[in-house]
Amino acid sequence: MQAQGACTLEHAETERPAVKAGRSGCRGLEVLMDLRTNVRADAIVCHVGGDVDISSSPELRRRLLDVLRLPHPRLVIDLSRVTFMDASGVAALLAARRRALLLGGRLALAAPSSPVRRVIWASGLTSCFTIEPGPRAVPRAVDRPGGTSRDLSLPTPR
């Protein structure tokens, strides 16, 4: 069950440095995950970009769980710049969701990219997350009191 209520902290916005978690891809190119966290008065917003896979998801999980130690009832994860996500990335999101609920908070996914929508849909987990699609998703996810997923415009199975 998700907790109701708004954060009453004064407005404070800070930004943590990006985390670069990488792996060697084909042709020796390094694939990176970018993770930035903004602590706002109304929510904590984590912006994730790049590849979220078996090599980078442990860092994503660690950072999301660390962020949930802060006294905020809302965590919004902006996934608009994620270029790839596998099941380990979904597991990191589920771990953060589970911790947020245990702490009486809420977690929302904002503007998930096509690869993220695809893996969440294929995993059968669309009903587990509050999802705000579209370019203005972060403000909507912060303002939204809770609930279930919105239409993801997911592909139809063939």
N, C-alpha and C. Protein backbone atom coordinates (compact mmCIF):
# COMPACT_ATOMS: atom_id res chain seq x y z
N MET A 1 0.85 -1.18 0.00
CA MET A 1 0.00 0.00 0.00
C MET A 1 0.89 1.24 0.00
N GLN A 2 0.53 2.21 -0.81
CA GLN A 2 1.36 3.41 -0.92
C GLN A 2 0.90 4.47 0.06
N ALA A 3 1.83 5.17 0.64
CA ALA A 3 1.53 6.22 1.61
C ALA A 3 1.03 7.48 0.90
N GLN A 4 0.15 8.21 1.55
CA GLN A 4 -0.35 9.47 1.02
C GLN A 4 0.32 10.61 1.78
N GLY A 5 0.34 11.79 1.18
CA GLY A 5 0.90 12.95 1.87
C GLY A 5 1.98 13.61 1.07
N ALA A 6 2.15 14.88 1.30
CA ALA A 6 3.15 15.65 0.55
C ALA A 6 4.36 15.93 1.42
N CYS A 7 5.46 16.13 0.77
CA CYS A 7 6.70 16.46 1.47
C CYS A 7 6.63 17.91 1.92
N THR A 8 7.01 18.18 3.16
CA THR A 8 6.93 19.54 3.68
C THR A 8 8.30 20.17 3.87
N LEU A 9 9.31 19.59 3.26
CA LEU A 9 10.65 20.16 3.39
C LEU A 9 10.75 21.44 2.58
N GLU A 10 11.66 22.33 2.99
CA GLU A 10 11.91 23.54 2.23
C GLU A 10 12.57 23.17 0.91
N HIS A 11 12.40 24.04 -0.09
CA HIS A 11 12.96 23.77 -1.41
C HIS A 11 14.48 23.78 -1.36
N ALA A 12 15.06 22.68 -1.74
CA ALA A 12 16.51 22.57 -1.83
C ALA A 12 16.82 21.69 -3.03
N GLU A 13 17.61 22.19 -3.93
CA GLU A 13 17.94 21.41 -5.10
C GLU A 13 19.45 21.22 -5.17
N THR A 14 19.87 19.98 -5.17
CA THR A 14 21.28 19.68 -5.29
C THR A 14 21.44 18.65 -6.38
N GLU A 15 22.60 18.59 -6.94
CA GLU A 15 22.86 17.60 -7.97
C GLU A 15 24.11 16.84 -7.62
N ARG A 16 24.00 15.52 -7.66
CA ARG A 16 25.16 14.67 -7.43
C ARG A 16 25.86 14.42 -8.75
N PRO A 17 27.14 14.17 -8.72
CA PRO A 17 27.85 13.91 -9.97
C PRO A 17 27.37 12.64 -10.64
N ALA A 18 27.52 12.60 -11.94
CA ALA A 18 27.10 11.44 -12.72
C ALA A 18 27.96 10.24 -12.38
N VAL A 19 27.35 9.08 -12.45
CA VAL A 19 28.07 7.83 -12.23
C VAL A 19 28.28 7.20 -13.60
N LYS A 20 29.47 6.79 -13.87
CA LYS A 20 29.78 6.12 -15.13
C LYS A 20 30.07 4.67 -14.83
N ALA A 21 29.15 3.81 -15.22
CA ALA A 21 29.36 2.37 -15.07
C ALA A 21 29.47 1.82 -16.48
N GLY A 22 30.52 1.13 -16.77
CA GLY A 22 30.71 0.73 -18.16
C GLY A 22 31.08 -0.72 -18.33
N ARG A 23 30.99 -1.15 -19.57
CA ARG A 23 31.42 -2.48 -19.96
C ARG A 23 32.00 -2.36 -21.36
N SER A 24 32.78 -3.32 -21.74
CA SER A 24 33.33 -3.30 -23.09
C SER A 24 32.33 -3.93 -24.03
N GLY A 25 31.94 -3.21 -25.05
CA GLY A 25 31.01 -3.72 -26.04
C GLY A 25 31.77 -4.24 -27.24
N CYS A 26 31.04 -4.54 -28.30
CA CYS A 26 31.70 -5.02 -29.51
C CYS A 26 32.59 -3.92 -30.07
N ARG A 27 33.62 -4.28 -30.74
CA ARG A 27 34.62 -3.37 -31.31
C ARG A 27 35.34 -2.56 -30.23
N GLY A 28 35.31 -3.02 -28.98
CA GLY A 28 36.06 -2.37 -27.92
C GLY A 28 35.48 -1.06 -27.43
N LEU A 29 34.26 -0.72 -27.85
CA LEU A 29 33.64 0.52 -27.38
C LEU A 29 33.09 0.33 -25.98
N GLU A 30 33.20 1.35 -25.17
CA GLU A 30 32.67 1.28 -23.82
C GLU A 30 31.26 1.84 -23.80
N VAL A 31 30.32 1.11 -23.23
CA VAL A 31 28.94 1.54 -23.11
C VAL A 31 28.75 2.03 -21.69
N LEU A 32 28.17 3.21 -21.53
CA LEU A 32 28.07 3.84 -20.21
C LEU A 32 26.63 4.04 -19.78
N MET A 33 26.44 4.03 -18.47
CA MET A 33 25.19 4.44 -17.86
C MET A 33 25.46 5.75 -17.14
N ASP A 34 24.61 6.71 -17.35
CA ASP A 34 24.73 8.00 -16.70
C ASP A 34 23.63 8.09 -15.65
N LEU A 35 23.97 8.49 -14.44
CA LEU A 35 22.99 8.58 -13.37
C LEU A 35 23.21 9.87 -12.60
N ARG A 36 22.19 10.73 -12.60
CA ARG A 36 22.23 12.00 -11.87
C ARG A 36 21.04 12.06 -10.93
N THR A 37 21.26 12.62 -9.75
CA THR A 37 20.20 12.72 -8.75
C THR A 37 20.00 14.17 -8.35
N ASN A 38 18.75 14.61 -8.42
CA ASN A 38 18.37 15.95 -7.95
C ASN A 38 17.46 15.79 -6.76
N VAL A 39 17.85 16.40 -5.63
CA VAL A 39 17.01 16.40 -4.45
C VAL A 39 16.22 17.70 -4.46
N ARG A 40 14.90 17.56 -4.58
CA ARG A 40 14.02 18.73 -4.63
C ARG A 40 13.14 18.72 -3.39
N ALA A 41 12.44 19.81 -3.17
CA ALA A 41 11.57 19.89 -2.01
C ALA A 41 10.41 18.90 -2.10
N ASP A 42 9.94 18.63 -3.30
CA ASP A 42 8.76 17.79 -3.47
C ASP A 42 9.08 16.34 -3.80
N ALA A 43 10.31 16.04 -4.19
CA ALA A 43 10.68 14.67 -4.55
C ALA A 43 12.17 14.58 -4.80
N ILE A 44 12.63 13.35 -4.88
CA ILE A 44 13.98 13.08 -5.36
C ILE A 44 13.82 12.59 -6.79
N VAL A 45 14.55 13.20 -7.72
CA VAL A 45 14.45 12.82 -9.12
C VAL A 45 15.80 12.25 -9.56
N CYS A 46 15.78 10.99 -9.99
CA CYS A 46 16.99 10.35 -10.53
C CYS A 46 16.85 10.28 -12.04
N HIS A 47 17.81 10.85 -12.75
CA HIS A 47 17.83 10.83 -14.21
C HIS A 47 18.81 9.75 -14.64
N VAL A 48 18.33 8.78 -15.40
CA VAL A 48 19.14 7.65 -15.84
C VAL A 48 19.26 7.71 -17.35
N GLY A 49 20.46 7.47 -17.87
CA GLY A 49 20.68 7.45 -19.31
C GLY A 49 21.65 6.35 -19.70
N GLY A 50 21.66 6.01 -20.97
CA GLY A 50 22.59 5.00 -21.47
C GLY A 50 22.05 3.60 -21.29
N ASP A 51 22.97 2.63 -21.19
CA ASP A 51 22.61 1.23 -21.06
C ASP A 51 22.50 0.81 -19.60
N VAL A 52 21.39 0.16 -19.27
CA VAL A 52 21.20 -0.41 -17.94
C VAL A 52 21.15 -1.92 -18.14
N ASP A 53 22.27 -2.56 -17.85
CA ASP A 53 22.39 -3.99 -18.10
C ASP A 53 23.08 -4.67 -16.92
N ILE A 54 23.49 -5.90 -17.11
CA ILE A 54 24.06 -6.70 -16.03
C ILE A 54 25.31 -6.05 -15.42
N SER A 55 26.03 -5.26 -16.20
CA SER A 55 27.23 -4.63 -15.65
C SER A 55 26.95 -3.30 -14.95
N SER A 56 25.90 -2.62 -15.32
CA SER A 56 25.62 -1.31 -14.71
C SER A 56 24.47 -1.34 -13.71
N SER A 57 23.61 -2.35 -13.76
CA SER A 57 22.45 -2.37 -12.87
C SER A 57 22.80 -2.47 -11.39
N PRO A 58 23.89 -3.15 -10.98
CA PRO A 58 24.22 -3.13 -9.55
C PRO A 58 24.48 -1.71 -9.03
N GLU A 59 25.11 -0.87 -9.84
CA GLU A 59 25.34 0.52 -9.44
C GLU A 59 24.03 1.30 -9.39
N LEU A 60 23.14 1.07 -10.35
CA LEU A 60 21.83 1.72 -10.33
C LEU A 60 21.07 1.31 -9.07
N ARG A 61 21.04 0.04 -8.78
CA ARG A 61 20.35 -0.45 -7.58
C ARG A 61 20.93 0.19 -6.32
N ARG A 62 22.25 0.19 -6.21
CA ARG A 62 22.90 0.77 -5.03
C ARG A 62 22.54 2.23 -4.86
N ARG A 63 22.62 2.99 -5.96
CA ARG A 63 22.33 4.43 -5.87
C ARG A 63 20.86 4.69 -5.55
N LEU A 64 19.94 3.92 -6.14
CA LEU A 64 18.52 4.13 -5.84
C LEU A 64 18.23 3.80 -4.37
N LEU A 65 18.80 2.73 -3.87
CA LEU A 65 18.57 2.38 -2.47
C LEU A 65 19.21 3.39 -1.52
N ASP A 66 20.37 3.94 -1.91
CA ASP A 66 21.00 5.01 -1.11
C ASP A 66 20.12 6.25 -1.06
N VAL A 67 19.56 6.61 -2.21
CA VAL A 67 18.71 7.80 -2.29
C VAL A 67 17.48 7.65 -1.40
N LEU A 68 16.98 6.44 -1.29
CA LEU A 68 15.79 6.21 -0.47
C LEU A 68 16.05 6.36 1.02
N ARG A 69 17.29 6.53 1.42
CA ARG A 69 17.60 6.81 2.83
C ARG A 69 17.29 8.26 3.20
N LEU A 70 17.18 9.11 2.18
CA LEU A 70 16.86 10.52 2.42
C LEU A 70 15.39 10.64 2.83
N PRO A 71 15.04 11.66 3.61
CA PRO A 71 13.67 11.78 4.13
C PRO A 71 12.69 12.38 3.11
N HIS A 72 12.41 11.65 2.07
CA HIS A 72 11.44 12.09 1.06
C HIS A 72 10.45 10.98 0.80
N PRO A 73 9.18 11.31 0.66
CA PRO A 73 8.20 10.27 0.39
C PRO A 73 8.12 9.88 -1.09
N ARG A 74 8.71 10.66 -1.98
CA ARG A 74 8.58 10.40 -3.42
C ARG A 74 9.92 10.26 -4.10
N LEU A 75 10.04 9.22 -4.92
CA LEU A 75 11.20 9.03 -5.77
C LEU A 75 10.69 8.92 -7.20
N VAL A 76 11.19 9.78 -8.07
CA VAL A 76 10.83 9.76 -9.49
C VAL A 76 12.09 9.38 -10.26
N ILE A 77 11.98 8.35 -11.09
CA ILE A 77 13.11 7.90 -11.89
C ILE A 77 12.83 8.25 -13.35
N ASP A 78 13.58 9.21 -13.87
CA ASP A 78 13.46 9.65 -15.26
C ASP A 78 14.25 8.68 -16.14
N LEU A 79 13.55 7.92 -16.97
CA LEU A 79 14.17 6.90 -17.81
C LEU A 79 14.13 7.28 -19.29
N SER A 80 13.97 8.55 -19.58
CA SER A 80 13.81 8.98 -20.98
C SER A 80 15.07 8.82 -21.81
N ARG A 81 16.25 8.78 -21.18
CA ARG A 81 17.50 8.68 -21.93
C ARG A 81 18.14 7.28 -21.86
N VAL A 82 17.39 6.31 -21.40
CA VAL A 82 17.91 4.93 -21.35
C VAL A 82 17.83 4.34 -22.76
N THR A 83 18.98 3.86 -23.25
CA THR A 83 19.04 3.31 -24.61
C THR A 83 18.88 1.79 -24.65
N PHE A 84 19.09 1.13 -23.50
CA PHE A 84 18.93 -0.31 -23.41
C PHE A 84 18.68 -0.67 -21.96
N MET A 85 17.78 -1.63 -21.73
CA MET A 85 17.57 -2.14 -20.38
C MET A 85 17.27 -3.63 -20.49
N ASP A 86 17.93 -4.42 -19.64
CA ASP A 86 17.64 -5.84 -19.58
C ASP A 86 16.95 -6.16 -18.25
N ALA A 87 16.74 -7.45 -17.99
CA ALA A 87 16.03 -7.87 -16.79
C ALA A 87 16.73 -7.43 -15.51
N SER A 88 18.05 -7.30 -15.53
CA SER A 88 18.75 -6.86 -14.33
C SER A 88 18.42 -5.40 -14.00
N GLY A 89 18.16 -4.60 -15.02
CA GLY A 89 17.73 -3.23 -14.79
C GLY A 89 16.34 -3.17 -14.18
N VAL A 90 15.45 -4.03 -14.67
CA VAL A 90 14.11 -4.12 -14.10
C VAL A 90 14.18 -4.57 -12.64
N ALA A 91 15.08 -5.52 -12.36
CA ALA A 91 15.25 -5.98 -10.98
C ALA A 91 15.70 -4.84 -10.07
N ALA A 92 16.56 -3.95 -10.57
CA ALA A 92 17.01 -2.79 -9.78
C ALA A 92 15.83 -1.86 -9.50
N LEU A 93 14.97 -1.65 -10.49
CA LEU A 93 13.79 -0.80 -10.30
C LEU A 93 12.83 -1.43 -9.30
N LEU A 94 12.66 -2.75 -9.38
CA LEU A 94 11.78 -3.45 -8.44
C LEU A 94 12.32 -3.38 -7.00
N ALA A 95 13.64 -3.49 -6.85
CA ALA A 95 14.24 -3.38 -5.52
C ALA A 95 13.98 -1.99 -4.93
N ALA A 96 14.12 -0.96 -5.75
CA ALA A 96 13.86 0.41 -5.28
C ALA A 96 12.38 0.59 -4.94
N ARG A 97 11.50 0.04 -5.76
CA ARG A 97 10.06 0.13 -5.49
C ARG A 97 9.73 -0.55 -4.16
N ARG A 98 10.27 -1.74 -3.96
CA ARG A 98 10.02 -2.49 -2.73
C ARG A 98 10.49 -1.70 -1.50
N ARG A 99 11.70 -1.12 -1.58
CA ARG A 99 12.24 -0.34 -0.46
C ARG A 99 11.39 0.91 -0.22
N ALA A 100 10.99 1.59 -1.29
CA ALA A 100 10.16 2.80 -1.14
C ALA A 100 8.86 2.46 -0.43
N LEU A 101 8.22 1.38 -0.81
CA LEU A 101 6.97 0.99 -0.17
C LEU A 101 7.18 0.60 1.29
N LEU A 102 8.27 -0.10 1.58
CA LEU A 102 8.57 -0.47 2.97
C LEU A 102 8.78 0.76 3.84
N LEU A 103 9.31 1.82 3.26
CA LEU A 103 9.57 3.06 3.99
C LEU A 103 8.37 4.00 3.99
N GLY A 104 7.26 3.57 3.39
CA GLY A 104 6.07 4.41 3.35
C GLY A 104 6.10 5.47 2.28
N GLY A 105 6.95 5.31 1.29
CA GLY A 105 7.06 6.29 0.21
C GLY A 105 6.45 5.78 -1.09
N ARG A 106 6.75 6.50 -2.16
CA ARG A 106 6.24 6.14 -3.48
C ARG A 106 7.36 6.25 -4.49
N LEU A 107 7.24 5.47 -5.54
CA LEU A 107 8.19 5.50 -6.64
C LEU A 107 7.40 5.60 -7.93
N ALA A 108 7.85 6.48 -8.82
CA ALA A 108 7.23 6.61 -10.14
C ALA A 108 8.31 6.59 -11.21
N LEU A 109 7.99 5.99 -12.33
CA LEU A 109 8.88 6.00 -13.49
C LEU A 109 8.39 7.08 -14.44
N ALA A 110 9.29 7.96 -14.85
CA ALA A 110 8.91 9.09 -15.70
C ALA A 110 9.50 8.91 -17.10
N ALA A 111 8.68 9.08 -18.10
CA ALA A 111 9.07 9.10 -19.51
C ALA A 111 9.97 7.93 -19.90
N PRO A 112 9.56 6.70 -19.60
CA PRO A 112 10.43 5.58 -19.98
C PRO A 112 10.60 5.51 -21.50
N SER A 113 11.84 5.30 -21.91
CA SER A 113 12.14 5.19 -23.34
C SER A 113 11.55 3.88 -23.87
N SER A 114 11.56 3.74 -25.18
CA SER A 114 11.01 2.55 -25.82
C SER A 114 11.65 1.25 -25.31
N PRO A 115 13.00 1.17 -25.17
CA PRO A 115 13.58 -0.06 -24.64
C PRO A 115 13.11 -0.38 -23.21
N VAL A 116 12.89 0.64 -22.40
CA VAL A 116 12.43 0.42 -21.03
C VAL A 116 10.98 -0.06 -21.05
N ARG A 117 10.14 0.62 -21.83
CA ARG A 117 8.73 0.20 -21.93
C ARG A 117 8.64 -1.24 -22.39
N ARG A 118 9.46 -1.59 -23.37
CA ARG A 118 9.42 -2.94 -23.94
C ARG A 118 9.75 -4.01 -22.89
N VAL A 119 10.82 -3.79 -22.12
CA VAL A 119 11.24 -4.81 -21.15
C VAL A 119 10.27 -4.88 -19.96
N ILE A 120 9.70 -3.76 -19.56
CA ILE A 120 8.71 -3.79 -18.47
C ILE A 120 7.45 -4.51 -18.94
N TRP A 121 7.02 -4.23 -20.15
CA TRP A 121 5.85 -4.90 -20.70
C TRP A 121 6.11 -6.39 -20.87
N ALA A 122 7.26 -6.76 -21.44
CA ALA A 122 7.59 -8.17 -21.66
C ALA A 122 7.70 -8.93 -20.34
N SER A 123 8.08 -8.24 -19.28
CA SER A 123 8.20 -8.86 -17.95
C SER A 123 6.85 -9.00 -17.26
N GLY A 124 5.82 -8.36 -17.82
CA GLY A 124 4.49 -8.41 -17.21
C GLY A 124 4.37 -7.55 -15.97
N LEU A 125 5.19 -6.49 -15.89
CA LEU A 125 5.25 -5.69 -14.66
C LEU A 125 4.66 -4.29 -14.80
N THR A 126 3.90 -4.02 -15.85
CA THR A 126 3.37 -2.67 -16.03
C THR A 126 2.47 -2.24 -14.87
N SER A 127 1.78 -3.18 -14.25
CA SER A 127 0.89 -2.81 -13.15
C SER A 127 1.64 -2.60 -11.84
N CYS A 128 2.91 -2.95 -11.79
CA CYS A 128 3.70 -2.79 -10.56
C CYS A 128 4.19 -1.36 -10.35
N PHE A 129 4.25 -0.58 -11.42
CA PHE A 129 4.85 0.75 -11.35
C PHE A 129 3.83 1.83 -11.68
N THR A 130 3.99 2.98 -11.03
CA THR A 130 3.30 4.19 -11.47
C THR A 130 4.17 4.75 -12.59
N ILE A 131 3.59 4.87 -13.78
CA ILE A 131 4.37 5.28 -14.95
C ILE A 131 3.73 6.51 -15.57
N GLU A 132 4.53 7.55 -15.75
CA GLU A 132 4.10 8.77 -16.42
C GLU A 132 4.83 8.88 -17.75
N PRO A 133 4.13 8.68 -18.88
CA PRO A 133 4.78 8.78 -20.18
C PRO A 133 4.86 10.23 -20.66
N GLY A 134 5.69 10.47 -21.64
CA GLY A 134 5.74 11.77 -22.31
C GLY A 134 6.80 12.71 -21.80
N PRO A 135 7.02 13.80 -22.56
CA PRO A 135 8.11 14.74 -22.26
C PRO A 135 7.93 15.53 -20.97
N ARG A 136 6.71 15.72 -20.49
CA ARG A 136 6.50 16.48 -19.25
C ARG A 136 6.23 15.54 -18.08
N ALA A 137 6.77 14.32 -18.18
CA ALA A 137 6.46 13.29 -17.21
C ALA A 137 7.03 13.56 -15.82
N VAL A 138 8.20 14.15 -15.71
CA VAL A 138 8.79 14.35 -14.38
C VAL A 138 7.91 15.25 -13.52
N PRO A 139 7.47 16.43 -14.00
CA PRO A 139 6.58 17.23 -13.15
C PRO A 139 5.27 16.52 -12.82
N ARG A 140 4.70 15.77 -13.78
CA ARG A 140 3.45 15.06 -13.51
C ARG A 140 3.67 13.96 -12.48
N ALA A 141 4.79 13.24 -12.58
CA ALA A 141 5.06 12.16 -11.63
C ALA A 141 5.26 12.71 -10.23
N VAL A 142 5.85 13.89 -10.12
CA VAL A 142 6.05 14.51 -8.80
C VAL A 142 4.71 14.95 -8.23
N ASP A 143 3.85 15.53 -9.07
CA ASP A 143 2.57 16.06 -8.61
C ASP A 143 1.53 14.98 -8.34
N ARG A 144 1.68 13.85 -9.00
CA ARG A 144 0.67 12.80 -8.91
C ARG A 144 0.73 12.13 -7.54
N PRO A 145 -0.41 11.99 -6.85
CA PRO A 145 -0.41 11.42 -5.51
C PRO A 145 -0.17 9.92 -5.46
N GLY A 146 -0.23 9.23 -6.54
CA GLY A 146 -0.02 7.78 -6.53
C GLY A 146 -1.00 7.13 -7.48
N GLY A 147 -1.05 5.82 -7.49
CA GLY A 147 -1.99 5.13 -8.35
C GLY A 147 -1.30 4.08 -9.17
N THR A 148 -1.88 3.82 -10.33
CA THR A 148 -1.38 2.74 -11.17
C THR A 148 -0.78 3.31 -12.44
N SER A 149 -0.32 2.42 -13.28
CA SER A 149 0.34 2.80 -14.52
C SER A 149 -0.63 3.51 -15.47
N ARG A 150 -0.08 4.40 -16.25
CA ARG A 150 -0.83 5.03 -17.33
C ARG A 150 -0.53 4.27 -18.61
N ASP A 151 -1.23 4.60 -19.68
CA ASP A 151 -1.03 3.94 -20.97
C ASP A 151 0.40 4.12 -21.43
N LEU A 152 1.05 3.01 -21.72
CA LEU A 152 2.44 3.03 -22.12
C LEU A 152 2.64 3.02 -23.63
N SER A 153 1.58 2.88 -24.39
CA SER A 153 1.69 2.74 -25.84
C SER A 153 2.70 1.64 -26.19
N LEU A 154 2.48 0.50 -25.60
CA LEU A 154 3.40 -0.62 -25.78
C LEU A 154 3.07 -1.37 -27.06
N PRO A 155 4.07 -2.06 -27.62
CA PRO A 155 3.81 -2.83 -28.83
C PRO A 155 2.87 -4.00 -28.55
N THR A 156 2.08 -4.36 -29.55
CA THR A 156 1.20 -5.51 -29.41
C THR A 156 1.98 -6.78 -29.69
N PRO A 157 1.80 -7.81 -28.86
CA PRO A 157 2.54 -9.05 -29.12
C PRO A 157 2.10 -9.67 -30.44
N ARG A 158 3.04 -10.31 -31.14
CA ARG A 158 2.72 -10.95 -32.42
C ARG A 158 2.75 -12.43 -32.28
